[in-house]
Each structure stands twice: as structure tokens, then as C-alpha cells.
Amino acid sequence: MDLLDYLKWRNDVSLSVSSFNDVDNVILSYISYIDFGKLFPESGKIYSIEEIFEAYCEKYSLYEVKENGQFTARAPLLLEQMVKGERFKGTRIGYYKDVLDKEMVKQFCAVTFFLPDGTNYIAFRGTDSTITGWKEDFLMSCMSDSEGAKEAVCYLNNVADFIKGELMLGGHSKGGNFAMYAAAFCNEELKERIVKVYNNDGPGFREEIIDSAEYKHISHKICSIIPQTSIIGQLLSNNGEKKIVKSSAKGIFQHDAMTWEVMRDKFVESELDAMSDFINSSLGTWLEQTDDETRESVVSTAFAMIEETEVETFKEFGSSLLKNSGTIIKGFVKLPKEKRDELTKALGRLLQSGGEAVMDKMPMVSGKE
């Protein structure tokens, strides 16, 4: 049973009968991938999920989503099931904010859900398909806080003034990172109102954040949910509670929460597999061997070549793959020798780290320790 099956099966069970759970959290974090900006006539107004779904169906084809939707593009299918039953009946959505700034390298989006049982859930969207969004992700490895994370703090501080009662924060992928960061660095008077912070297969932080008093103050409220082959969720550190769940997909595709398996009102438990161990070991070794300045330089150089193609999203990049790949190759050739060498060495170190991780996991043929 997956998220859609869960909604169909549990839709007659209200939140007053069976309280908000981990699965409900993932559903709301996924709903945040819907572009509400194209559905909300007024950004400051709060709408019911029924109004939102009606507006969506007037503008888009749900049949097209069912037939061709991939990964987060399938989020409207969850909304369709939410409006059909009692569990989320009366849920309202508001305070949608979407920011994309190429110059600042910031991709941020958040929305607030007001559930019928009084739960207030603030969902931070994860990485979208924009080049800017992915560049911000890569820069996380060489800086303590991203522009999107700082925007998350501002959003929480501002929205909380209009919300009464306790708060839950959550997000999928990078959105989970934003939820944790916002909880740690928001206004002090807000922290006691935050009862739970969900990080759904999102990256962690560098040690200076993990060691900060602000993060330690809220770390016991964090619940990280990751699939057995977790790649994104294994990046950097996170000291919160960790739940490992089973996915019906393979490899990197387990990052898609629509593939996470559910039993009744909770996820099916699992354990991290060998691929997760390999990713964790190889990337960890590479990060240790590469200083911050080099990492930032490599990321900036690589994305500068991608930006030369003038595409805004990776979907656009893929639609003219041959042409855009050629542009990148030409850009690489034109780079100063020191930049070419830097990129080549960084890739070489990553491949070497992967090879060393494989050797570490292989049993000794002699049987000796």
C-alpha cells in the first residue's frame, strides 16, 4: 500500500478518531510541490482544499497527471483523494510563498495547512526542477546556511504571527532541511510552539550547525524519515530521530515518497541497505578530502557551464540534450587550465572515494579480519 492507497483506505477515518501521523506528514509535504501560485487568486487569502482542487481541475488535466506524471508532478493525485473523504475534510491552505532568485542562488517555497483537528502544518517544498534549485543544493556542502534556509526562517517568523496554537514543520528533500533550519533559528518565543519537525529524506547540516546551541535545543523534536536506499537523506549530519521505511522503487528512485510502503496508519519499517552505506562512505570521504573553497569553486564552475545553455530547468535541458551537452563540452574546453584541472581532480577524487568504499565493504577473501 502506498500514499494513494492509504488515503483511499483511511479516508473515512477522521483526525479526531485517529490522530495525525507520519504518513499524513509526508502527504502534506508532497502537496507543497503543487504550484499554488497559479491557483490562488489572492496570495494572502486562505482557501479550502475543495476550492483548490476545483481550481486545479479547471486549469489542468488530472488525466494527464495520471498518465504521464512523474515523481512530485503526481502530487495533485493526493489532493484528489484528500477531498473525497473525511480525514482531511475542512482542511484549509494559505500563506503560499514562492521565491526563485538566480542571482542569490535561492529556490524557496512554503505553504501552511490548517487541519480540521486544529493541527497547523507548515510545509517547505523540496528541490524543484530549476537549475537554480539544484545549484543551491550542491552549495549546501560548502556553506553553513543557504539562501533558501534563511528565507525559511523569515517565512516561519512572519506566518507564525497569524497562526494560533502549536506548530508542526516538515518538508521533503531540501524542504526537510529548511524545516529543521527554520525550527532551530526562528524567534525564541516560537520554539516552544513547535511540537514536531519532519525531515522526509532531506539532507542534514555541516558540523557548525549541528554543534550550535540553537540546533541542539530543537534536535529532540526532529523526526527524519528515509527509505532503505537513502541518498539525499544521507548527505551531511542530522542528530534527530531516524525512521527507515520500505520503498517499492530501486536506488535513487526511492527518494520519491509516493513509492514508500504503508501498513495501516504507519510506514513499513526497513533497514538501510548496502547502497546507502556505499553512498554515505564514498561521499563522506570525498567531502573530507575537499576543502570548502574548492567545493564552492567546483560547483560554481560546473553550473556556470550549465547556465551557458540558457535553460531554466533540467526538463528543458533534457529536451535538447545533444545541443546542450555540446554547449557544456565547449564551455569546459574554454575554461582556464586551472579550472579544468580542478574539475577533473574533484571528479577523480569522487571516483576514488567510491572505489575505496566498495573495497571496504567487500569481505576479505582470506577470511581474516
Protein backbone atom coordinates (compact mmCIF):
# COMPACT_ATOMS: atom_id res chain seq x y z
CA MET A 1 0.00 0.00 0.00
CA ASP A 2 1.38 3.44 -0.94
CA LEU A 3 0.30 7.01 -0.11
CA LEU A 4 -2.62 6.97 -2.54
CA ASP A 5 -3.83 3.61 -1.22
CA TYR A 6 -3.54 4.93 2.34
CA LEU A 7 -5.75 7.90 1.53
CA LYS A 8 -8.35 5.66 -0.11
CA TRP A 9 -8.32 3.25 2.83
CA ARG A 10 -8.18 5.81 5.66
CA ASN A 11 -10.36 8.48 4.11
CA ASP A 12 -13.35 7.60 6.30
CA VAL A 13 -11.25 7.87 9.49
CA SER A 14 -11.19 11.46 10.72
CA LEU A 15 -8.24 13.02 12.51
CA SER A 16 -10.38 13.20 15.66
CA VAL A 17 -10.65 9.39 15.66
CA SER A 18 -7.06 8.61 14.59
CA SER A 19 -4.60 11.43 15.19
CA PHE A 20 -2.11 12.95 12.74
CA ASN A 21 0.71 10.53 11.91
CA ASP A 22 3.96 10.16 9.95
CA VAL A 23 2.12 9.23 6.75
CA ASP A 24 -0.13 12.29 6.93
CA ASN A 25 3.02 14.39 7.29
CA VAL A 26 4.57 13.02 4.10
CA ILE A 27 1.33 13.62 2.20
CA LEU A 28 1.26 17.30 3.20
CA SER A 29 4.95 17.75 2.42
CA TYR A 30 4.27 16.38 -1.06
CA ILE A 31 1.22 18.57 -1.62
CA SER A 32 3.55 21.58 -1.30
CA TYR A 33 5.01 20.70 -4.73
CA ILE A 34 1.77 21.91 -6.35
CA ASP A 35 2.15 25.39 -7.84
CA PHE A 36 -0.50 27.12 -5.75
CA GLY A 37 0.64 30.47 -7.13
CA LYS A 38 -1.26 29.67 -10.32
CA LEU A 39 -4.34 28.65 -8.33
CA PHE A 40 -4.57 31.30 -5.60
CA PRO A 41 -6.30 34.46 -6.91
CA GLU A 42 -5.09 36.24 -3.77
CA SER A 43 -1.84 35.13 -2.12
CA GLY A 44 -2.91 36.38 1.33
CA LYS A 45 -6.23 34.55 1.40
CA ILE A 46 -6.84 31.09 2.87
CA TYR A 47 -8.66 28.53 0.71
CA SER A 48 -10.27 25.17 1.39
CA ILE A 49 -8.77 22.08 -0.26
CA GLU A 50 -12.04 21.71 -2.15
CA GLU A 51 -11.65 25.18 -3.66
CA ILE A 52 -8.02 24.46 -4.51
CA PHE A 53 -8.82 21.15 -6.16
CA GLU A 54 -11.66 22.68 -8.20
CA ALA A 55 -9.33 25.45 -9.37
CA TYR A 56 -6.69 22.89 -10.30
CA CYS A 57 -9.12 20.80 -12.38
CA GLU A 58 -10.30 23.91 -14.23
CA LYS A 59 -6.74 24.76 -15.22
CA TYR A 60 -5.08 21.36 -15.70
CA SER A 61 -5.87 17.83 -16.82
CA LEU A 62 -5.87 15.32 -13.98
CA TYR A 63 -5.93 12.57 -16.63
CA GLU A 64 -2.60 13.86 -17.98
CA VAL A 65 -1.11 13.71 -14.49
CA LYS A 66 -2.30 10.13 -14.03
CA GLU A 67 -0.93 9.05 -17.39
CA ASN A 68 2.34 10.96 -17.62
CA GLY A 69 3.06 12.50 -14.21
CA GLN A 70 6.37 11.54 -12.66
CA PHE A 71 7.76 11.98 -9.15
CA THR A 72 6.47 15.20 -7.49
CA ALA A 73 4.31 16.03 -10.52
CA ARG A 74 1.89 13.38 -9.17
CA ALA A 75 1.14 15.43 -6.03
CA PRO A 76 -2.30 16.54 -7.33
CA LEU A 77 -3.41 12.89 -7.20
CA LEU A 78 -3.00 13.06 -3.43
CA LEU A 79 -5.10 16.21 -3.33
CA GLU A 80 -7.81 14.43 -5.33
CA GLN A 81 -8.09 11.73 -2.68
CA MET A 82 -7.95 14.22 0.19
CA VAL A 83 -11.12 15.98 -0.97
CA LYS A 84 -13.03 12.69 -1.26
CA GLY A 85 -13.01 11.61 2.37
CA GLU A 86 -13.47 12.63 5.99
CA ARG A 87 -9.84 12.61 7.10
CA PHE A 88 -8.83 15.93 5.58
CA LYS A 89 -12.30 17.36 5.11
CA GLY A 90 -12.27 21.01 6.13
CA THR A 91 -8.52 21.43 5.64
CA ARG A 92 -7.54 24.93 4.57
CA ILE A 93 -4.41 26.09 2.76
CA GLY A 94 -2.79 29.51 2.82
CA TYR A 95 0.25 31.76 3.10
CA TYR A 96 1.79 30.37 -0.06
CA LYS A 97 5.16 31.88 -0.89
CA ASP A 98 7.37 31.01 -3.86
CA VAL A 99 10.75 32.66 -4.46
CA LEU A 100 13.29 31.95 -7.20
CA ASP A 101 16.35 34.19 -7.35
CA LYS A 102 19.09 33.18 -9.77
CA GLU A 103 21.50 35.88 -8.63
CA MET A 104 21.26 34.93 -4.95
CA VAL A 105 21.01 31.20 -5.81
CA LYS A 106 17.76 30.82 -3.88
CA GLN A 107 14.87 28.46 -4.57
CA PHE A 108 12.26 28.56 -1.83
CA CYS A 109 8.62 27.69 -1.48
CA ALA A 110 6.36 27.11 1.53
CA VAL A 111 2.68 26.80 2.33
CA THR A 112 0.65 26.37 5.53
CA PHE A 113 -2.06 23.76 6.15
CA PHE A 114 -4.80 24.23 8.75
CA LEU A 115 -6.21 20.78 9.52
CA PRO A 116 -9.71 20.14 10.90
CA ASP A 117 -8.34 18.85 14.23
CA GLY A 118 -6.52 22.12 14.87
CA THR A 119 -3.12 20.97 13.62
CA ASN A 120 -1.09 23.69 11.90
CA TYR A 121 1.43 22.16 9.48
CA ILE A 122 3.94 24.35 7.65
CA ALA A 123 5.33 22.57 4.59
CA PHE A 124 8.56 23.60 2.91
CA ARG A 125 8.93 22.48 -0.69
CA GLY A 126 11.99 20.49 -1.72
CA THR A 127 14.15 20.99 -4.76
CA ASP A 128 12.20 21.66 -7.94
CA SER A 129 13.47 21.12 -11.47
CA THR A 130 15.15 24.53 -11.79
CA ILE A 131 18.89 24.83 -12.36
CA THR A 132 18.98 27.40 -9.53
CA GLY A 133 17.37 24.96 -7.10
CA TRP A 134 19.92 22.25 -7.78
CA LYS A 135 22.83 24.69 -7.61
CA GLU A 136 21.67 25.73 -4.14
CA ASP A 137 21.61 22.05 -3.13
CA PHE A 138 25.21 21.49 -4.14
CA LEU A 139 26.34 24.65 -2.38
CA MET A 140 24.99 23.25 0.91
CA SER A 141 28.14 21.16 1.25
CA CYS A 142 30.39 24.22 1.47
CA MET A 143 28.35 26.72 3.48
CA SER A 144 26.54 26.65 6.81
CA ASP A 145 23.28 28.09 5.56
CA SER A 146 21.76 28.51 2.12
CA GLU A 147 19.70 31.48 0.99
CA GLY A 148 16.63 29.25 0.92
CA ALA A 149 17.21 28.17 4.52
CA LYS A 150 17.41 31.79 5.65
CA GLU A 151 14.20 32.51 3.74
CA ALA A 152 12.57 29.62 5.63
CA VAL A 153 13.36 31.33 8.94
CA CYS A 154 11.78 34.58 7.72
CA TYR A 155 8.69 32.73 6.49
CA LEU A 156 8.18 30.95 9.81
CA ASN A 157 8.69 34.10 11.86
CA ASN A 158 6.20 36.04 9.72
CA VAL A 159 3.49 33.40 9.31
CA ALA A 160 3.51 32.35 12.96
CA ASP A 161 2.12 35.81 13.88
CA PHE A 162 -1.10 34.89 12.06
CA ILE A 163 -1.40 31.35 13.43
CA LYS A 164 -2.72 30.38 16.84
CA GLY A 165 -1.56 27.33 18.77
CA GLU A 166 1.08 24.68 18.21
CA LEU A 167 3.05 24.24 15.01
CA MET A 168 4.34 21.29 13.02
CA LEU A 169 7.03 21.83 10.41
CA GLY A 170 8.00 19.48 7.62
CA GLY A 171 9.26 19.04 4.13
CA HIS A 172 10.51 16.53 1.60
CA SER A 173 14.11 16.55 0.33
CA LYS A 174 15.61 20.04 0.68
CA GLY A 175 12.30 21.10 2.24
CA GLY A 176 13.12 18.87 5.22
CA ASN A 177 16.42 20.69 5.64
CA PHE A 178 14.59 24.03 5.55
CA ALA A 179 12.09 22.83 8.17
CA MET A 180 14.89 21.86 10.58
CA TYR A 181 16.83 25.07 9.99
CA ALA A 182 13.75 27.25 10.45
CA ALA A 183 12.88 25.49 13.72
CA ALA A 184 16.41 25.98 15.03
CA PHE A 185 16.89 29.63 14.11
CA CYS A 186 13.41 31.15 14.35
CA ASN A 187 12.45 33.67 17.03
CA GLU A 188 12.95 32.26 20.53
CA GLU A 189 9.32 32.71 21.55
CA LEU A 190 8.23 30.47 18.65
CA LYS A 191 10.34 27.46 19.55
CA GLU A 192 8.08 26.31 22.38
CA ARG A 193 5.13 26.28 19.98
CA ILE A 194 6.89 23.85 17.64
CA VAL A 195 5.93 20.31 18.63
CA LYS A 196 7.39 18.31 15.74
CA VAL A 197 9.78 18.79 12.84
CA TYR A 198 9.66 16.28 9.99
CA ASN A 199 12.59 15.80 7.65
CA ASN A 200 11.41 13.49 4.87
CA ASP A 201 14.59 12.21 3.19
CA GLY A 202 16.25 15.61 3.26
CA PRO A 203 19.94 16.44 3.75
CA GLY A 204 21.40 17.42 7.09
CA PHE A 205 23.88 20.11 8.03
CA ARG A 206 27.54 20.83 8.45
CA GLU A 207 29.04 20.32 11.90
CA GLU A 208 28.92 24.01 12.87
CA ILE A 209 25.11 23.87 12.65
CA ILE A 210 24.85 20.50 14.41
CA ASP A 211 27.06 21.80 17.23
CA SER A 212 25.16 25.07 17.63
CA ALA A 213 23.03 25.69 20.73
CA GLU A 214 20.06 26.57 18.51
CA TYR A 215 20.07 23.22 16.75
CA LYS A 216 20.67 21.23 19.93
CA HIS A 217 17.67 22.96 21.51
CA ILE A 218 15.25 21.52 18.94
CA SER A 219 17.02 18.31 17.83
CA HIS A 220 14.80 16.12 20.05
CA LYS A 221 11.76 17.34 18.08
CA ILE A 222 13.18 16.18 14.73
CA CYS A 223 11.96 13.01 13.04
CA SER A 224 13.78 12.00 9.85
CA ILE A 225 12.03 9.51 7.60
CA ILE A 226 14.22 7.91 4.93
CA PRO A 227 13.90 4.91 2.57
CA GLN A 228 16.25 1.93 2.80
CA THR A 229 18.29 3.22 -0.14
CA SER A 230 18.63 6.79 1.02
CA ILE A 231 20.99 9.05 -0.90
CA ILE A 232 19.75 12.62 -0.37
CA GLY A 233 18.82 11.88 3.24
CA GLN A 234 22.32 10.57 3.95
CA LEU A 235 24.06 13.79 3.00
CA LEU A 236 25.70 15.74 5.85
CA SER A 237 24.70 15.30 9.52
CA ASN A 238 21.41 15.15 11.38
CA ASN A 239 21.09 14.03 15.01
CA GLY A 240 17.30 13.69 15.19
CA GLU A 241 15.22 10.53 15.45
CA LYS A 242 15.54 8.39 12.31
CA LYS A 243 12.91 6.06 10.85
CA ILE A 244 13.84 3.86 7.90
CA VAL A 245 10.96 2.82 5.64
CA LYS A 246 10.50 0.36 2.81
CA SER A 247 10.12 1.58 -0.78
CA SER A 248 8.81 -0.27 -3.82
CA ALA A 249 11.34 1.52 -6.07
CA LYS A 250 15.04 0.92 -6.67
CA GLY A 251 18.08 3.10 -5.99
CA ILE A 252 17.74 6.87 -6.27
CA PHE A 253 14.06 6.50 -7.25
CA GLN A 254 13.29 5.64 -3.62
CA HIS A 255 13.59 9.37 -2.97
CA ASP A 256 10.08 9.56 -4.43
CA ALA A 257 7.88 9.33 -1.32
CA MET A 258 5.00 8.09 -3.48
CA THR A 259 6.85 4.75 -3.51
CA TRP A 260 7.10 4.43 0.28
CA GLU A 261 5.10 1.49 1.58
CA VAL A 262 2.37 1.87 4.20
CA MET A 263 0.76 -0.62 6.55
CA ARG A 264 -2.45 0.65 8.16
CA ASP A 265 -1.51 4.06 9.62
CA LYS A 266 2.30 3.88 9.51
CA PHE A 267 5.15 3.16 7.13
CA VAL A 268 6.57 -0.33 6.75
CA GLU A 269 9.85 -0.42 8.64
CA SER A 270 13.13 -1.39 6.96
CA GLU A 271 16.91 -1.04 7.35
CA LEU A 272 19.50 0.89 5.39
CA ASP A 273 20.93 -1.28 2.62
CA ALA A 274 24.42 -1.67 1.18
CA MET A 275 23.87 1.07 -1.41
CA SER A 276 23.13 3.60 1.33
CA ASP A 277 26.29 2.55 3.15
CA PHE A 278 28.28 2.92 -0.06
CA ILE A 279 26.93 6.41 -0.79
CA ASN A 280 27.50 7.52 2.78
CA SER A 281 31.07 6.22 2.82
CA SER A 282 32.15 7.48 -0.60
CA LEU A 283 30.61 10.96 -0.33
CA GLY A 284 31.81 11.29 3.25
CA THR A 285 35.37 10.52 2.21
CA TRP A 286 35.19 12.91 -0.75
CA LEU A 287 33.89 15.76 1.42
CA GLU A 288 36.68 15.19 3.94
CA GLN A 289 39.30 15.36 1.18
CA THR A 290 37.91 18.50 -0.49
CA ASP A 291 38.07 21.87 1.27
CA ASP A 292 35.19 24.36 1.23
CA GLU A 293 36.83 26.76 -1.19
CA THR A 294 37.44 24.02 -3.75
CA ARG A 295 33.92 22.63 -3.38
CA GLU A 296 32.36 26.05 -3.95
CA SER A 297 34.63 26.70 -6.91
CA VAL A 298 33.79 23.32 -8.49
CA VAL A 299 30.03 23.84 -8.03
CA SER A 300 30.13 27.39 -9.38
CA THR A 301 32.21 26.38 -12.39
CA ALA A 302 30.06 23.36 -13.22
CA PHE A 303 26.80 25.30 -13.01
CA ALA A 304 28.25 28.22 -14.95
CA MET A 305 28.72 25.81 -17.86
CA ILE A 306 25.15 24.54 -17.48
CA GLU A 307 23.84 28.12 -17.36
CA GLU A 308 25.60 28.79 -20.68
CA THR A 309 22.87 26.68 -22.29
CA GLU A 310 20.33 29.34 -21.16
CA VAL A 311 17.85 26.70 -19.98
CA GLU A 312 15.93 27.32 -16.74
CA THR A 313 15.09 23.73 -15.79
CA PHE A 314 16.58 20.29 -16.23
CA LYS A 315 13.47 19.32 -18.17
CA GLU A 316 14.37 21.96 -20.75
CA PHE A 317 17.95 20.71 -20.69
CA GLY A 318 16.82 17.15 -21.45
CA SER A 319 14.54 18.21 -24.29
CA SER A 320 17.64 19.32 -26.27
CA LEU A 321 20.17 17.04 -24.66
CA LEU A 322 22.61 16.78 -27.57
CA LYS A 323 22.74 20.51 -28.19
CA ASN A 324 23.04 21.41 -24.50
CA SER A 325 25.68 18.76 -23.84
CA GLY A 326 27.70 20.19 -26.71
CA THR A 327 27.46 23.65 -25.18
CA ILE A 328 28.80 22.32 -21.88
CA ILE A 329 31.70 20.50 -23.56
CA LYS A 330 32.65 23.67 -25.43
CA GLY A 331 32.44 25.58 -22.16
CA PHE A 332 34.74 23.08 -20.48
CA VAL A 333 37.32 23.41 -23.25
CA LYS A 334 37.27 27.21 -22.94
CA LEU A 335 37.89 27.12 -19.19
CA PRO A 336 41.28 28.28 -17.89
CA LYS A 337 43.60 25.31 -17.36
CA GLU A 338 43.49 25.62 -13.56
CA LYS A 339 39.68 25.36 -13.58
CA ARG A 340 39.73 22.34 -15.90
CA ASP A 341 42.28 20.67 -13.65
CA GLU A 342 40.22 21.49 -10.57
CA LEU A 343 37.10 19.87 -12.01
CA THR A 344 39.00 16.83 -13.23
CA LYS A 345 40.72 16.31 -9.88
CA ALA A 346 37.46 16.69 -7.96
CA LEU A 347 35.77 14.07 -10.14
CA GLY A 348 38.80 11.81 -9.81
CA ARG A 349 38.69 12.05 -6.01
CA LEU A 350 34.99 11.21 -6.01
CA LEU A 351 35.56 8.13 -8.18
CA GLN A 352 38.48 7.10 -5.99
CA SER A 353 36.37 7.51 -2.85
CA GLY A 354 33.69 5.32 -4.41
CA GLY A 355 36.24 2.65 -5.23
CA GLU A 356 37.63 2.72 -1.71
CA ALA A 357 34.13 2.43 -0.28
CA VAL A 358 33.49 -0.67 -2.42
CA MET A 359 36.73 -2.28 -1.23
CA ASP A 360 35.89 -1.53 2.40
CA LYS A 361 32.55 -3.31 2.06
CA MET A 362 33.95 -6.38 0.32
CA PRO A 363 34.59 -9.41 2.56
CA MET A 364 38.22 -10.44 2.88
CA VAL A 365 38.79 -13.48 0.67
CA SER A 366 41.24 -14.89 3.16
CA GLY A 367 38.69 -14.78 5.93
CA LYS A 368 41.00 -12.64 8.09
CA GLU A 369 39.80 -9.51 9.87
